[in-house]
Amino acid sequence: MIQKQFDLPPDLMVNEVAHRCRTHPSAVRRWIDRGVILADGTRCRLEAYRLPGGWRIRPEDLAAFQRALTNNARPIEQGRDLNGTQTPRVRARQSVGHLAAKAQAKALGLL
């Protein structure tokens, strides 16, 4: 009898990767198919292989993909979006009920 020993963890399915990355499985498939454009303009794809039951991702390939995304991340400045464009500051609207309650409290001399 031949006994096989595997030291490597089993390869991950798309749903497992999505769960680990807290994203939707379609995002993982998009990472495999199209990849992600990094800050320097290059494209990084998640390495995977296809089996009849779906895509499989090796844990070390997932780790390398995450490292590539982390190492090439651009810092986002406060008040700017991912493209560096100034985001407009929007003042929070007060509800009509809040304004009515404030006027009533002022009329009663509480404010």
PDB file of N, CA and C in Angstrom:
ATOM      1  N   MET A   1       0.835  -1.164   0.000  1.00  0.00           N
ATOM      2  CA  MET A   1       0.000   0.000   0.000  1.00  0.00           C
ATOM      3  C   MET A   1       0.893   1.245   0.000  1.00  0.00           C
ATOM      4  N   ILE A   2       0.550   2.169  -0.873  1.00  0.00           N
ATOM      5  CA  ILE A   2       1.301   3.411  -0.974  1.00  0.00           C
ATOM      6  C   ILE A   2       0.557   4.478  -0.188  1.00  0.00           C
ATOM      7  N   GLN A   3       1.295   5.112   0.693  1.00  0.00           N
ATOM      8  CA  GLN A   3       0.694   6.165   1.496  1.00  0.00           C
ATOM      9  C   GLN A   3       1.216   7.510   1.001  1.00  0.00           C
ATOM     10  N   LYS A   4       0.284   8.412   0.682  1.00  0.00           N
ATOM     11  CA  LYS A   4       0.665   9.737   0.201  1.00  0.00           C
ATOM     12  C   LYS A   4       0.545  10.738   1.337  1.00  0.00           C
ATOM     13  N   GLN A   5       1.518  11.599   1.404  1.00  0.00           N
ATOM     14  CA  GLN A   5       1.480  12.650   2.404  1.00  0.00           C
ATOM     15  C   GLN A   5       1.533  13.986   1.677  1.00  0.00           C
ATOM     16  N   PHE A   6       0.625  14.842   2.038  1.00  0.00           N
ATOM     17  CA  PHE A   6       0.572  16.156   1.434  1.00  0.00           C
ATOM     18  C   PHE A   6       0.811  17.194   2.525  1.00  0.00           C
ATOM     19  N   ASP A   7       1.867  17.980   2.343  1.00  0.00           N
ATOM     20  CA  ASP A   7       2.162  19.039   3.295  1.00  0.00           C
ATOM     21  C   ASP A   7       1.476  20.345   2.917  1.00  0.00           C
ATOM     22  N   LEU A   8       1.091  20.460   1.642  1.00  0.00           N
ATOM     23  CA  LEU A   8       0.487  21.701   1.183  1.00  0.00           C
ATOM     24  C   LEU A   8      -1.002  21.723   1.505  1.00  0.00           C
ATOM     25  N   PRO A   9      -1.540  22.890   1.812  1.00  0.00           N
ATOM     26  CA  PRO A   9      -2.982  22.978   2.019  1.00  0.00           C
ATOM     27  C   PRO A   9      -3.701  22.765   0.694  1.00  0.00           C
ATOM     28  N   PRO A  10      -4.932  22.302   0.731  1.00  0.00           N
ATOM     29  CA  PRO A  10      -5.656  22.061  -0.522  1.00  0.00           C
ATOM     30  C   PRO A  10      -5.927  23.383  -1.252  1.00  0.00           C
ATOM     31  N   ASP A  11      -6.055  23.275  -2.561  1.00  0.00           N
ATOM     32  CA  ASP A  11      -6.327  24.470  -3.353  1.00  0.00           C
ATOM     33  C   ASP A  11      -7.731  24.984  -3.068  1.00  0.00           C
ATOM     34  N   LEU A  12      -7.900  26.286  -3.228  1.00  0.00           N
ATOM     35  CA  LEU A  12      -9.146  26.949  -2.853  1.00  0.00           C
ATOM     36  C   LEU A  12     -10.079  27.087  -4.045  1.00  0.00           C
ATOM     37  N   MET A  13     -11.375  27.023  -3.775  1.00  0.00           N
ATOM     38  CA  MET A  13     -12.377  27.274  -4.797  1.00  0.00           C
ATOM     39  C   MET A  13     -12.704  28.773  -4.792  1.00  0.00           C
ATOM     40  N   VAL A  14     -13.382  29.228  -5.822  1.00  0.00           N
ATOM     41  CA  VAL A  14     -13.709  30.645  -5.963  1.00  0.00           C
ATOM     42  C   VAL A  14     -14.507  31.138  -4.754  1.00  0.00           C
ATOM     43  N   ASN A  15     -15.477  30.364  -4.299  1.00  0.00           N
ATOM     44  CA  ASN A  15     -16.285  30.782  -3.151  1.00  0.00           C
ATOM     45  C   ASN A  15     -15.450  30.932  -1.882  1.00  0.00           C
ATOM     46  N   GLU A  16     -14.474  30.062  -1.705  1.00  0.00           N
ATOM     47  CA  GLU A  16     -13.608  30.144  -0.522  1.00  0.00           C
ATOM     48  C   GLU A  16     -12.727  31.399  -0.570  1.00  0.00           C
ATOM     49  N   VAL A  17     -12.209  31.713  -1.755  1.00  0.00           N
ATOM     50  CA  VAL A  17     -11.393  32.920  -1.907  1.00  0.00           C
ATOM     51  C   VAL A  17     -12.257  34.159  -1.669  1.00  0.00           C
ATOM     52  N   ALA A  18     -13.474  34.138  -2.205  1.00  0.00           N
ATOM     53  CA  ALA A  18     -14.380  35.265  -2.008  1.00  0.00           C
ATOM     54  C   ALA A  18     -14.683  35.456  -0.526  1.00  0.00           C
ATOM     55  N   HIS A  19     -14.874  34.368   0.191  1.00  0.00           N
ATOM     56  CA  HIS A  19     -15.148  34.456   1.625  1.00  0.00           C
ATOM     57  C   HIS A  19     -13.941  35.017   2.373  1.00  0.00           C
ATOM     58  N   ARG A  20     -12.756  34.554   2.028  1.00  0.00           N
ATOM     59  CA  ARG A  20     -11.541  35.047   2.697  1.00  0.00           C
ATOM     60  C   ARG A  20     -11.290  36.525   2.417  1.00  0.00           C
ATOM     61  N   CYS A  21     -11.604  36.958   1.199  1.00  0.00           N
ATOM     62  CA  CYS A  21     -11.346  38.348   0.806  1.00  0.00           C
ATOM     63  C   CYS A  21     -12.549  39.249   1.057  1.00  0.00           C
ATOM     64  N   ARG A  22     -13.595  38.681   1.590  1.00  0.00           N
ATOM     65  CA  ARG A  22     -14.835  39.435   1.874  1.00  0.00           C
ATOM     66  C   ARG A  22     -15.344  40.162   0.635  1.00  0.00           C
ATOM     67  N   THR A  23     -15.488  39.406  -0.446  1.00  0.00           N
ATOM     68  CA  THR A  23     -15.999  39.954  -1.693  1.00  0.00           C
ATOM     69  C   THR A  23     -16.921  38.940  -2.352  1.00  0.00           C
ATOM     70  N   HIS A  24     -17.466  39.276  -3.483  1.00  0.00           N
ATOM     71  CA  HIS A  24     -18.393  38.409  -4.201  1.00  0.00           C
ATOM     72  C   HIS A  24     -17.603  37.459  -5.108  1.00  0.00           C
ATOM     73  N   PRO A  25     -18.094  36.232  -5.309  1.00  0.00           N
ATOM     74  CA  PRO A  25     -17.388  35.305  -6.197  1.00  0.00           C
ATOM     75  C   PRO A  25     -17.172  35.847  -7.608  1.00  0.00           C
ATOM     76  N   SER A  26     -18.087  36.682  -8.102  1.00  0.00           N
ATOM     77  CA  SER A  26     -17.898  37.248  -9.444  1.00  0.00           C
ATOM     78  C   SER A  26     -16.670  38.157  -9.493  1.00  0.00           C
ATOM     79  N   ALA A  27     -16.345  38.814  -8.374  1.00  0.00           N
ATOM     80  CA  ALA A  27     -15.138  39.643  -8.315  1.00  0.00           C
ATOM     81  C   ALA A  27     -13.894  38.768  -8.428  1.00  0.00           C
ATOM     82  N   VAL A  28     -13.917  37.613  -7.786  1.00  0.00           N
ATOM     83  CA  VAL A  28     -12.770  36.691  -7.861  1.00  0.00           C
ATOM     84  C   VAL A  28     -12.603  36.190  -9.290  1.00  0.00           C
ATOM     85  N   ARG A  29     -13.708  35.846  -9.950  1.00  0.00           N
ATOM     86  CA  ARG A  29     -13.627  35.405 -11.349  1.00  0.00           C
ATOM     87  C   ARG A  29     -13.094  36.525 -12.244  1.00  0.00           C
ATOM     88  N   ARG A  30     -13.480  37.766 -11.939  1.00  0.00           N
ATOM     89  CA  ARG A  30     -12.978  38.916 -12.702  1.00  0.00           C
ATOM     90  C   ARG A  30     -11.472  39.072 -12.485  1.00  0.00           C
ATOM     91  N   TRP A  31     -10.988  38.854 -11.247  1.00  0.00           N
ATOM     92  CA  TRP A  31      -9.553  38.920 -10.976  1.00  0.00           C
ATOM     93  C   TRP A  31      -8.808  37.864 -11.790  1.00  0.00           C
ATOM     94  N   ILE A  32      -9.430  36.697 -11.961  1.00  0.00           N
ATOM     95  CA  ILE A  32      -8.811  35.622 -12.733  1.00  0.00           C
ATOM     96  C   ILE A  32      -8.824  35.965 -14.217  1.00  0.00           C
ATOM     97  N   ASP A  33      -9.974  36.423 -14.731  1.00  0.00           N
ATOM     98  CA  ASP A  33     -10.123  36.686 -16.168  1.00  0.00           C
ATOM     99  C   ASP A  33      -9.387  37.944 -16.625  1.00  0.00           C
ATOM    100  N   ARG A  34      -9.662  39.070 -15.957  1.00  0.00           N
ATOM    101  CA  ARG A  34      -9.158  40.369 -16.415  1.00  0.00           C
ATOM    102  C   ARG A  34      -8.057  40.942 -15.554  1.00  0.00           C
ATOM    103  N   GLY A  35      -8.025  40.551 -14.295  1.00  0.00           N
ATOM    104  CA  GLY A  35      -7.019  41.093 -13.394  1.00  0.00           C
ATOM    105  C   GLY A  35      -7.415  42.450 -12.847  1.00  0.00           C
ATOM    106  N   VAL A  36      -6.464  43.109 -12.225  1.00  0.00           N
ATOM    107  CA  VAL A  36      -6.650  44.415 -11.603  1.00  0.00           C
ATOM    108  C   VAL A  36      -5.542  45.325 -12.117  1.00  0.00           C
ATOM    109  N   ILE A  37      -5.899  46.559 -12.455  1.00  0.00           N
ATOM    110  CA  ILE A  37      -4.893  47.522 -12.895  1.00  0.00           C
ATOM    111  C   ILE A  37      -4.263  48.147 -11.655  1.00  0.00           C
ATOM    112  N   LEU A  38      -2.955  48.033 -11.571  1.00  0.00           N
ATOM    113  CA  LEU A  38      -2.222  48.558 -10.415  1.00  0.00           C
ATOM    114  C   LEU A  38      -1.941  50.047 -10.585  1.00  0.00           C
ATOM    115  N   ALA A  39      -1.413  50.661  -9.544  1.00  0.00           N
ATOM    116  CA  ALA A  39      -1.142  52.100  -9.541  1.00  0.00           C
ATOM    117  C   ALA A  39      -0.161  52.504 -10.638  1.00  0.00           C
ATOM    118  N   ASP A  40       0.761  51.620 -10.981  1.00  0.00           N
ATOM    119  CA  ASP A  40       1.747  51.951 -12.012  1.00  0.00           C
ATOM    120  C   ASP A  40       1.253  51.669 -13.426  1.00  0.00           C
ATOM    121  N   GLY A  41      -0.023  51.220 -13.559  1.00  0.00           N
ATOM    122  CA  GLY A  41      -0.611  50.982 -14.875  1.00  0.00           C
ATOM    123  C   GLY A  41      -0.510  49.552 -15.361  1.00  0.00           C
ATOM    124  N   THR A  42       0.247  48.715 -14.680  1.00  0.00           N
ATOM    125  CA  THR A  42       0.338  47.314 -15.081  1.00  0.00           C
ATOM    126  C   THR A  42      -0.885  46.552 -14.583  1.00  0.00           C
ATOM    127  N   ARG A  43      -1.106  45.404 -15.182  1.00  0.00           N
ATOM    128  CA  ARG A  43      -2.253  44.580 -14.822  1.00  0.00           C
ATOM    129  C   ARG A  43      -1.761  43.345 -14.079  1.00  0.00           C
ATOM    130  N   CYS A  44      -2.412  43.036 -12.971  1.00  0.00           N
ATOM    131  CA  CYS A  44      -2.063  41.874 -12.155  1.00  0.00           C
ATOM    132  C   CYS A  44      -3.261  40.930 -12.126  1.00  0.00           C
ATOM    133  N   ARG A  45      -3.035  39.685 -12.527  1.00  0.00           N
ATOM    134  CA  ARG A  45      -4.109  38.692 -12.530  1.00  0.00           C
ATOM    135  C   ARG A  45      -3.894  37.678 -11.421  1.00  0.00           C
ATOM    136  N   LEU A  46      -4.997  37.166 -10.905  1.00  0.00           N
ATOM    137  CA  LEU A  46      -4.957  36.095  -9.915  1.00  0.00           C
ATOM    138  C   LEU A  46      -4.747  34.794 -10.664  1.00  0.00           C
ATOM    139  N   GLU A  47      -3.645  34.129 -10.375  1.00  0.00           N
ATOM    140  CA  GLU A  47      -3.333  32.860 -11.040  1.00  0.00           C
ATOM    141  C   GLU A  47      -4.281  31.778 -10.558  1.00  0.00           C
ATOM    142  N   ALA A  48      -4.831  30.998 -11.485  1.00  0.00           N
ATOM    143  CA  ALA A  48      -5.762  29.929 -11.151  1.00  0.00           C
ATOM    144  C   ALA A  48      -5.748  28.912 -12.283  1.00  0.00           C
ATOM    145  N   TYR A  49      -6.279  27.752 -12.023  1.00  0.00           N
ATOM    146  CA  TYR A  49      -6.416  26.739 -13.070  1.00  0.00           C
ATOM    147  C   TYR A  49      -7.841  26.207 -13.051  1.00  0.00           C
ATOM    148  N   ARG A  50      -8.289  25.766 -14.222  1.00  0.00           N
ATOM    149  CA  ARG A  50      -9.684  25.361 -14.388  1.00  0.00           C
ATOM    150  C   ARG A  50      -9.805  23.848 -14.341  1.00  0.00           C
ATOM    151  N   LEU A  51     -10.753  23.382 -13.555  1.00  0.00           N
ATOM    152  CA  LEU A  51     -11.121  21.972 -13.490  1.00  0.00           C
ATOM    153  C   LEU A  51     -12.584  21.851 -13.887  1.00  0.00           C
ATOM    154  N   PRO A  52     -13.075  20.645 -14.157  1.00  0.00           N
ATOM    155  CA  PRO A  52     -14.494  20.506 -14.500  1.00  0.00           C
ATOM    156  C   PRO A  52     -15.446  21.083 -13.446  1.00  0.00           C
ATOM    157  N   GLY A  53     -15.038  21.116 -12.196  1.00  0.00           N
ATOM    158  CA  GLY A  53     -15.892  21.653 -11.140  1.00  0.00           C
ATOM    159  C   GLY A  53     -15.759  23.152 -10.938  1.00  0.00           C
ATOM    160  N   GLY A  54     -14.892  23.826 -11.677  1.00  0.00           N
ATOM    161  CA  GLY A  54     -14.696  25.267 -11.536  1.00  0.00           C
ATOM    162  C   GLY A  54     -13.235  25.624 -11.383  1.00  0.00           C
ATOM    163  N   TRP A  55     -12.987  26.861 -11.041  1.00  0.00           N
ATOM    164  CA  TRP A  55     -11.633  27.370 -10.874  1.00  0.00           C
ATOM    165  C   TRP A  55     -11.052  26.930  -9.540  1.00  0.00           C
ATOM    166  N   ARG A  56      -9.744  26.712  -9.517  1.00  0.00           N
ATOM    167  CA  ARG A  56      -9.015  26.414  -8.280  1.00  0.00           C
ATOM    168  C   ARG A  56      -7.850  27.394  -8.173  1.00  0.00           C
ATOM    169  N   ILE A  57      -7.644  27.876  -6.955  1.00  0.00           N
ATOM    170  CA  ILE A  57      -6.589  28.850  -6.693  1.00  0.00           C
ATOM    171  C   ILE A  57      -5.669  28.290  -5.616  1.00  0.00           C
ATOM    172  N   ARG A  58      -4.379  28.280  -5.889  1.00  0.00           N
ATOM    173  CA  ARG A  58      -3.434  27.821  -4.870  1.00  0.00           C
ATOM    174  C   ARG A  58      -3.286  28.915  -3.822  1.00  0.00           C
ATOM    175  N   PRO A  59      -3.190  28.554  -2.540  1.00  0.00           N
ATOM    176  CA  PRO A  59      -3.060  29.566  -1.484  1.00  0.00           C
ATOM    177  C   PRO A  59      -1.866  30.495  -1.693  1.00  0.00           C
ATOM    178  N   GLU A  60      -0.762  29.982  -2.208  1.00  0.00           N
ATOM    179  CA  GLU A  60       0.403  30.840  -2.428  1.00  0.00           C
ATOM    180  C   GLU A  60       0.163  31.826  -3.569  1.00  0.00           C
ATOM    181  N   ASP A  61      -0.664  31.449  -4.570  1.00  0.00           N
ATOM    182  CA  ASP A  61      -1.012  32.389  -5.633  1.00  0.00           C
ATOM    183  C   ASP A  61      -1.915  33.507  -5.104  1.00  0.00           C
ATOM    184  N   LEU A  62      -2.835  33.155  -4.215  1.00  0.00           N
ATOM    185  CA  LEU A  62      -3.684  34.171  -3.596  1.00  0.00           C
ATOM    186  C   LEU A  62      -2.836  35.129  -2.761  1.00  0.00           C
ATOM    187  N   ALA A  63      -1.878  34.596  -2.015  1.00  0.00           N
ATOM    188  CA  ALA A  63      -1.007  35.441  -1.190  1.00  0.00           C
ATOM    189  C   ALA A  63      -0.171  36.372  -2.074  1.00  0.00           C
ATOM    190  N   ALA A  64       0.330  35.859  -3.195  1.00  0.00           N
ATOM    191  CA  ALA A  64       1.123  36.696  -4.107  1.00  0.00           C
ATOM    192  C   ALA A  64       0.264  37.795  -4.728  1.00  0.00           C
ATOM    193  N   PHE A  65      -0.977  37.467  -5.069  1.00  0.00           N
ATOM    194  CA  PHE A  65      -1.903  38.463  -5.623  1.00  0.00           C
ATOM    195  C   PHE A  65      -2.187  39.555  -4.598  1.00  0.00           C
ATOM    196  N   GLN A  66      -2.427  39.162  -3.354  1.00  0.00           N
ATOM    197  CA  GLN A  66      -2.697  40.140  -2.296  1.00  0.00           C
ATOM    198  C   GLN A  66      -1.472  41.017  -2.030  1.00  0.00           C
ATOM    199  N   ARG A  67      -0.283  40.416  -2.072  1.00  0.00           N
ATOM    200  CA  ARG A  67       0.948  41.199  -1.876  1.00  0.00           C
ATOM    201  C   ARG A  67       1.120  42.219  -2.996  1.00  0.00           C
ATOM    202  N   ALA A  68       0.840  41.791  -4.234  1.00  0.00           N
ATOM    203  CA  ALA A  68       0.980  42.704  -5.372  1.00  0.00           C
ATOM    204  C   ALA A  68       0.024  43.874  -5.238  1.00  0.00           C
ATOM    205  N   LEU A  69      -1.200  43.620  -4.781  1.00  0.00           N
ATOM    206  CA  LEU A  69      -2.160  44.703  -4.601  1.00  0.00           C
ATOM    207  C   LEU A  69      -1.743  45.621  -3.468  1.00  0.00           C
ATOM    208  N   THR A  70      -1.237  45.048  -2.395  1.00  0.00           N
ATOM    209  CA  THR A  70      -0.848  45.840  -1.231  1.00  0.00           C
ATOM    210  C   THR A  70       0.394  46.673  -1.511  1.00  0.00           C
ATOM    211  N   ASN A  71       1.371  46.102  -2.190  1.00  0.00           N
ATOM    212  CA  ASN A  71       2.620  46.814  -2.469  1.00  0.00           C
ATOM    213  C   ASN A  71       2.432  47.946  -3.457  1.00  0.00           C
ATOM    214  N   ASN A  72       1.443  47.842  -4.343  1.00  0.00           N
ATOM    215  CA  ASN A  72       1.240  48.850  -5.372  1.00  0.00           C
ATOM    216  C   ASN A  72       0.086  49.781  -5.071  1.00  0.00           C
ATOM    217  N   ALA A  73      -0.398  49.754  -3.844  1.00  0.00           N
ATOM    218  CA  ALA A  73      -1.539  50.607  -3.496  1.00  0.00           C
ATOM    219  C   ALA A  73      -1.098  52.054  -3.399  1.00  0.00           C
ATOM    220  N   ARG A  74      -1.958  52.940  -3.882  1.00  0.00           N
ATOM    221  CA  ARG A  74      -1.705  54.373  -3.771  1.00  0.00           C
ATOM    222  C   ARG A  74      -2.354  54.876  -2.497  1.00  0.00           C
ATOM    223  N   PRO A  75      -1.675  55.722  -1.760  1.00  0.00           N
ATOM    224  CA  PRO A  75      -2.344  56.316  -0.597  1.00  0.00           C
ATOM    225  C   PRO A  75      -3.436  57.268  -1.063  1.00  0.00           C
ATOM    226  N   ILE A  76      -4.574  57.230  -0.408  1.00  0.00           N
ATOM    227  CA  ILE A  76      -5.691  58.093  -0.749  1.00  0.00           C
ATOM    228  C   ILE A  76      -5.686  59.270   0.212  1.00  0.00           C
ATOM    229  N   GLU A  77      -5.649  60.465  -0.350  1.00  0.00           N
ATOM    230  CA  GLU A  77      -5.657  61.663   0.479  1.00  0.00           C
ATOM    231  C   GLU A  77      -7.063  61.928   0.993  1.00  0.00           C
ATOM    232  N   GLN A  78      -7.145  62.552   2.128  1.00  0.00           N
ATOM    233  CA  GLN A  78      -8.433  62.919   2.693  1.00  0.00           C
ATOM    234  C   GLN A  78      -9.146  63.871   1.748  1.00  0.00           C
ATOM    235  N   GLY A  79     -10.402  63.577   1.424  1.00  0.00           N
ATOM    236  CA  GLY A  79     -11.186  64.448   0.559  1.00  0.00           C
ATOM    237  C   GLY A  79     -10.948  64.224  -0.919  1.00  0.00           C
ATOM    238  N   ARG A  80     -10.258  63.136  -1.273  1.00  0.00           N
ATOM    239  CA  ARG A  80     -10.023  62.831  -2.690  1.00  0.00           C
ATOM    240  C   ARG A  80     -10.445  61.392  -2.964  1.00  0.00           C
ATOM    241  N   ASP A  81     -10.902  61.130  -4.210  1.00  0.00           N
ATOM    242  CA  ASP A  81     -11.308  59.783  -4.581  1.00  0.00           C
ATOM    243  C   ASP A  81     -10.097  59.002  -5.085  1.00  0.00           C
ATOM    244  N   LEU A  82     -10.327  57.811  -5.632  1.00  0.00           N
ATOM    245  CA  LEU A  82      -9.229  56.961  -6.086  1.00  0.00           C
ATOM    246  C   LEU A  82      -8.435  57.575  -7.234  1.00  0.00           C
ATOM    247  N   ASN A  83      -9.062  58.438  -8.042  1.00  0.00           N
ATOM    248  CA  ASN A  83      -8.368  59.070  -9.156  1.00  0.00           C
ATOM    249  C   ASN A  83      -7.638  60.344  -8.742  1.00  0.00           C
ATOM    250  N   GLY A  84      -7.757  60.744  -7.480  1.00  0.00           N
ATOM    251  CA  GLY A  84      -7.108  61.944  -7.003  1.00  0.00           C
ATOM    252  C   GLY A  84      -7.943  63.194  -7.182  1.00  0.00           C
ATOM    253  N   THR A  85      -9.195  63.021  -7.640  1.00  0.00           N
ATOM    254  CA  THR A  85     -10.081  64.163  -7.848  1.00  0.00           C
ATOM    255  C   THR A  85     -10.658  64.614  -6.515  1.00  0.00           C
ATOM    256  N   GLN A  86     -10.749  65.930  -6.364  1.00  0.00           N
ATOM    257  CA  GLN A  86     -11.330  66.489  -5.144  1.00  0.00           C
ATOM    258  C   GLN A  86     -12.790  66.077  -5.040  1.00  0.00           C
ATOM    259  N   THR A  87     -13.178  65.501  -3.921  1.00  0.00           N
ATOM    260  CA  THR A  87     -14.572  65.124  -3.717  1.00  0.00           C
ATOM    261  C   THR A  87     -15.308  66.294  -3.097  1.00  0.00           C
ATOM    262  N   PRO A  88     -16.535  66.545  -3.556  1.00  0.00           N
ATOM    263  CA  PRO A  88     -17.273  67.677  -3.000  1.00  0.00           C
ATOM    264  C   PRO A  88     -17.695  67.402  -1.568  1.00  0.00           C
ATOM    265  N   ARG A  89     -17.685  68.463  -0.764  1.00  0.00           N
ATOM    266  CA  ARG A  89     -18.142  68.340   0.612  1.00  0.00           C
ATOM    267  C   ARG A  89     -19.628  68.653   0.634  1.00  0.00           C
ATOM    268  N   VAL A  90     -20.386  67.725   1.134  1.00  0.00           N
ATOM    269  CA  VAL A  90     -21.828  67.893   1.181  1.00  0.00           C
ATOM    270  C   VAL A  90     -22.245  68.016   2.636  1.00  0.00           C
ATOM    271  N   ARG A  91     -22.944  69.090   2.927  1.00  0.00           N
ATOM    272  CA  ARG A  91     -23.415  69.279   4.296  1.00  0.00           C
ATOM    273  C   ARG A  91     -24.610  68.366   4.526  1.00  0.00           C
ATOM    274  N   ALA A  92     -24.615  67.714   5.663  1.00  0.00           N
ATOM    275  CA  ALA A  92     -25.718  66.809   5.983  1.00  0.00           C
ATOM    276  C   ALA A  92     -27.000  67.616   6.143  1.00  0.00           C
ATOM    277  N   ARG A  93     -28.065  67.121   5.531  1.00  0.00           N
ATOM    278  CA  ARG A  93     -29.347  67.798   5.628  1.00  0.00           C
ATOM    279  C   ARG A  93     -30.019  67.419   6.934  1.00  0.00           C
ATOM    280  N   GLN A  94     -30.604  68.418   7.561  1.00  0.00           N
ATOM    281  CA  GLN A  94     -31.337  68.159   8.788  1.00  0.00           C
ATOM    282  C   GLN A  94     -32.776  67.810   8.413  1.00  0.00           C
ATOM    283  N   SER A  95     -33.328  66.865   9.110  1.00  0.00           N
ATOM    284  CA  SER A  95     -34.697  66.455   8.808  1.00  0.00           C
ATOM    285  C   SER A  95     -35.676  67.546   9.228  1.00  0.00           C
ATOM    286  N   VAL A  96     -36.851  67.532   8.596  1.00  0.00           N
ATOM    287  CA  VAL A  96     -37.880  68.524   8.910  1.00  0.00           C
ATOM    288  C   VAL A  96     -38.320  68.374  10.358  1.00  0.00           C
ATOM    289  N   GLY A  97     -38.425  67.139  10.831  1.00  0.00           N
ATOM    290  CA  GLY A  97     -38.820  66.898  12.217  1.00  0.00           C
ATOM    291  C   GLY A  97     -37.828  67.493  13.197  1.00  0.00           C
ATOM    292  N   HIS A  98     -36.548  67.390  12.866  1.00  0.00           N
ATOM    293  CA  HIS A  98     -35.506  67.942  13.723  1.00  0.00           C
ATOM    294  C   HIS A  98     -35.627  69.463  13.806  1.00  0.00           C
ATOM    295  N   LEU A  99     -35.865  70.085  12.651  1.00  0.00           N
ATOM    296  CA  LEU A  99     -36.014  71.545  12.638  1.00  0.00           C
ATOM    297  C   LEU A  99     -37.259  71.989  13.402  1.00  0.00           C
ATOM    298  N   ALA A 100     -38.348  71.245  13.267  1.00  0.00           N
ATOM    299  CA  ALA A 100     -39.580  71.587  13.987  1.00  0.00           C
ATOM    300  C   ALA A 100     -39.378  71.450  15.484  1.00  0.00           C
ATOM    301  N   ALA A 101     -38.703  70.398  15.907  1.00  0.00           N
ATOM    302  CA  ALA A 101     -38.454  70.183  17.342  1.00  0.00           C
ATOM    303  C   ALA A 101     -37.545  71.280  17.892  1.00  0.00           C
ATOM    304  N   LYS A 102     -36.568  71.696  17.085  1.00  0.00           N
ATOM    305  CA  LYS A 102     -35.672  72.761  17.528  1.00  0.00           C
ATOM    306  C   LYS A 102     -36.425  74.079  17.670  1.00  0.00           C
ATOM    307  N   ALA A 103     -37.334  74.378  16.741  1.00  0.00           N
ATOM    308  CA  ALA A 103     -38.124  75.611  16.809  1.00  0.00           C
ATOM    309  C   ALA A 103     -39.056  75.578  18.018  1.00  0.00           C
ATOM    310  N   GLN A 104     -39.632  74.412  18.281  1.00  0.00           N
ATOM    311  CA  GLN A 104     -40.539  74.274  19.428  1.00  0.00           C
ATOM    312  C   GLN A 104     -39.782  74.444  20.750  1.00  0.00           C
ATOM    313  N   ALA A 105     -38.600  73.885  20.848  1.00  0.00           N
ATOM    314  CA  ALA A 105     -37.803  74.014  22.066  1.00  0.00           C
ATOM    315  C   ALA A 105     -37.371  75.467  22.262  1.00  0.00           C
ATOM    316  N   LYS A 106     -37.073  76.155  21.167  1.00  0.00           N
ATOM    317  CA  LYS A 106     -36.694  77.563  21.261  1.00  0.00           C
ATOM    318  C   LYS A 106     -37.876  78.419  21.727  1.00  0.00           C
ATOM    319  N   ALA A 107     -39.082  78.075  21.221  1.00  0.00           N
ATOM    320  CA  ALA A 107     -40.279  78.819  21.619  1.00  0.00           C
ATOM    321  C   ALA A 107     -40.588  78.633  23.102  1.00  0.00           C
ATOM    322  N   LEU A 108     -40.270  77.463  23.633  1.00  0.00           N
ATOM    323  CA  LEU A 108     -40.507  77.188  25.051  1.00  0.00           C
ATOM    324  C   LEU A 108     -39.401  77.746  25.944  1.00  0.00           C
ATOM    325  N   GLY A 109     -38.361  78.278  25.335  1.00  0.00           N
ATOM    326  CA  GLY A 109     -37.268  78.857  26.096  1.00  0.00           C
ATOM    327  C   GLY A 109     -36.260  77.833  26.576  1.00  0.00           C
ATOM    328  N   LEU A 110     -36.283  76.653  25.991  1.00  0.00           N
ATOM    329  CA  LEU A 110     -35.338  75.613  26.399  1.00  0.00           C
ATOM    330  C   LEU A 110     -33.969  75.783  25.723  1.00  0.00           C
ATOM    331  N   LEU A 111     -33.932  76.491  24.644  1.00  0.00           N
ATOM    332  CA  LEU A 111     -32.650  76.711  23.943  1.00  0.00           C
ATOM    333  C   LEU A 111     -32.187  78.131  24.061  1.00  0.00           C
TER     334      LEU A 111
END
